[in-house]
């Protein structure tokens, strides 16, 4: 079982960039798919990006393609969410999630993931 801890959120001005971290403990990310989601007040949890650790393939919905990327650090067993050109509508709690060795790709809905971090708040001021 893997435990996930997010960090890196904060208050940022529109147009800026932010890198969120998702660190794994308990076991390595090997054979896991890691997803990033966000949830704004009063809204459903929204999928923003996913990566397969083995092979490194990534998938982004149209809403985040071009501004969001998922770098990784193998040595630190950490996945990041890099967000560029931040907009006020990016304000939300951001969560990372993980699923061990899923039989299909991509995983783009919250119910497909088994492990979740506690979330980190991102607030973008205009």
Protein backbone atom coordinates (compact mmCIF):
# COMPACT_ATOMS: atom_id res chain seq x y z
CA UNK A 1 0.00 0.00 0.00
CA UNK A 2 1.30 3.43 -0.90
CA UNK A 3 0.80 6.63 1.11
CA UNK A 4 0.70 9.94 -0.73
CA UNK A 5 1.61 13.38 0.59
CA UNK A 6 1.05 16.52 -1.47
CA UNK A 7 2.80 19.81 -0.92
CA UNK A 8 3.63 23.01 -2.74
CA UNK A 9 0.32 24.80 -2.80
CA UNK A 10 -0.08 28.46 -1.94
CA UNK A 11 -1.20 31.87 -3.10
CA UNK A 12 0.02 32.84 -6.56
CA UNK A 13 -0.72 35.72 -8.90
CA UNK A 14 -2.40 35.07 -12.22
CA UNK A 15 0.15 34.38 -14.93
CA UNK A 16 2.59 32.78 -12.53
CA UNK A 17 3.68 29.17 -12.18
CA UNK A 18 3.51 26.61 -9.43
CA UNK A 19 4.91 23.12 -8.91
CA UNK A 20 3.01 20.75 -6.65
CA UNK A 21 4.65 17.64 -5.24
CA UNK A 22 3.25 14.20 -4.57
CA UNK A 23 5.62 12.05 -2.56
CA UNK A 24 5.07 8.34 -2.07
CA UNK A 25 5.92 6.36 1.03
CA UNK A 26 5.32 2.76 1.95
CA UNK A 27 6.34 1.54 -1.46
CA UNK A 28 7.71 2.95 -4.68
CA UNK A 29 5.65 4.26 -7.56
CA UNK A 30 6.85 1.41 -9.75
CA UNK A 31 3.88 -0.08 -11.68
CA UNK A 32 1.54 2.64 -10.44
CA UNK A 33 -0.49 5.14 -12.41
CA UNK A 34 -0.53 8.53 -10.70
CA UNK A 35 -3.28 11.03 -11.30
CA UNK A 36 -3.84 14.63 -10.36
CA UNK A 37 -7.28 16.05 -9.62
CA UNK A 38 -8.61 19.31 -8.32
CA UNK A 39 -11.77 20.38 -6.56
CA UNK A 40 -13.04 23.92 -6.33
CA UNK A 41 -15.67 24.91 -3.75
CA UNK A 42 -19.10 23.69 -4.77
CA UNK A 43 -17.77 21.76 -7.76
CA UNK A 44 -17.09 18.12 -8.57
CA UNK A 45 -13.57 16.72 -8.43
CA UNK A 46 -11.97 17.33 -11.80
CA UNK A 47 -9.28 15.26 -13.51
CA UNK A 48 -6.28 17.34 -14.66
CA UNK A 49 -3.45 14.93 -15.54
CA UNK A 50 -2.17 11.39 -15.23
CA UNK A 51 1.10 9.52 -15.69
CA UNK A 52 2.12 5.89 -15.85
CA UNK A 53 5.28 5.55 -13.78
CA UNK A 54 6.62 2.59 -15.78
CA UNK A 55 7.22 4.05 -19.22
CA UNK A 56 6.35 7.62 -18.26
CA UNK A 57 3.42 8.09 -20.62
CA UNK A 58 1.13 10.98 -19.78
CA UNK A 59 -2.40 12.06 -20.58
CA UNK A 60 -4.09 15.44 -20.16
CA UNK A 61 -7.65 16.52 -20.75
CA UNK A 62 -8.17 19.34 -23.22
CA UNK A 63 -8.85 21.74 -20.35
CA UNK A 64 -5.26 21.47 -19.06
CA UNK A 65 -3.25 20.41 -22.11
CA UNK A 66 -0.44 22.85 -22.78
CA UNK A 67 -0.36 24.42 -19.29
CA UNK A 68 -0.05 21.36 -17.04
CA UNK A 69 2.78 18.82 -17.08
CA UNK A 70 3.84 15.96 -14.81
CA UNK A 71 7.59 15.91 -14.17
CA UNK A 72 8.98 13.21 -11.91
CA UNK A 73 11.99 12.49 -9.74
CA UNK A 74 12.79 8.80 -9.66
CA UNK A 75 15.32 9.12 -6.86
CA UNK A 76 12.82 10.89 -4.60
CA UNK A 77 9.89 8.69 -5.62
CA UNK A 78 8.00 11.90 -6.27
CA UNK A 79 5.67 13.12 -8.98
CA UNK A 80 5.04 16.79 -9.59
CA UNK A 81 2.29 18.83 -11.20
CA UNK A 82 3.73 21.83 -12.98
CA UNK A 83 1.14 24.50 -13.70
CA UNK A 84 2.06 27.44 -15.90
CA UNK A 85 0.16 30.61 -16.82
CA UNK A 86 -2.04 30.25 -13.76
CA UNK A 87 -5.58 31.59 -13.94
CA UNK A 88 -8.01 32.46 -11.14
CA UNK A 89 -10.15 29.52 -12.25
CA UNK A 90 -7.27 27.20 -11.33
CA UNK A 91 -8.06 27.94 -7.69
CA UNK A 92 -8.87 24.64 -6.00
CA UNK A 93 -7.63 21.93 -3.68
CA UNK A 94 -5.31 19.71 -5.69
CA UNK A 95 -5.05 16.00 -4.98
CA UNK A 96 -2.77 13.28 -6.22
CA UNK A 97 -4.03 9.73 -6.47
CA UNK A 98 -2.59 6.34 -7.37
CA UNK A 99 -3.70 3.02 -8.80
CA UNK A 100 -1.49 -0.06 -8.85
CA UNK A 101 -1.03 -1.67 -12.26
CA UNK A 102 -4.39 -0.89 -13.88
CA UNK A 103 -5.37 -3.04 -16.91
CA UNK A 104 -6.21 -0.05 -19.12
CA UNK A 105 -5.14 3.51 -19.92
CA UNK A 106 -5.78 6.32 -19.28
CA UNK A 107 -7.42 6.59 -15.88
CA UNK A 108 -9.34 9.84 -15.94
CA UNK A 109 -12.00 9.56 -13.25
CA UNK A 110 -11.67 9.69 -9.49
CA UNK A 111 -13.32 6.35 -8.79
CA UNK A 112 -10.61 4.53 -10.77
CA UNK A 113 -7.94 5.42 -8.18
CA UNK A 114 -7.44 3.61 -4.88
CA UNK A 115 -5.05 5.85 -2.94
CA UNK A 116 -5.34 9.56 -2.28
CA UNK A 117 -3.32 12.28 -0.67
CA UNK A 118 -4.73 14.88 1.69
CA UNK A 119 -4.76 17.68 -0.86
CA UNK A 120 -3.00 21.02 -1.14
CA UNK A 121 -4.71 24.38 -1.64
CA UNK A 122 -3.87 26.51 -4.65
CA UNK A 123 -5.25 30.04 -4.76
CA UNK A 124 -4.70 32.24 -7.79
CA UNK A 125 -5.30 35.96 -7.39
CA UNK A 126 -6.27 38.18 -10.32
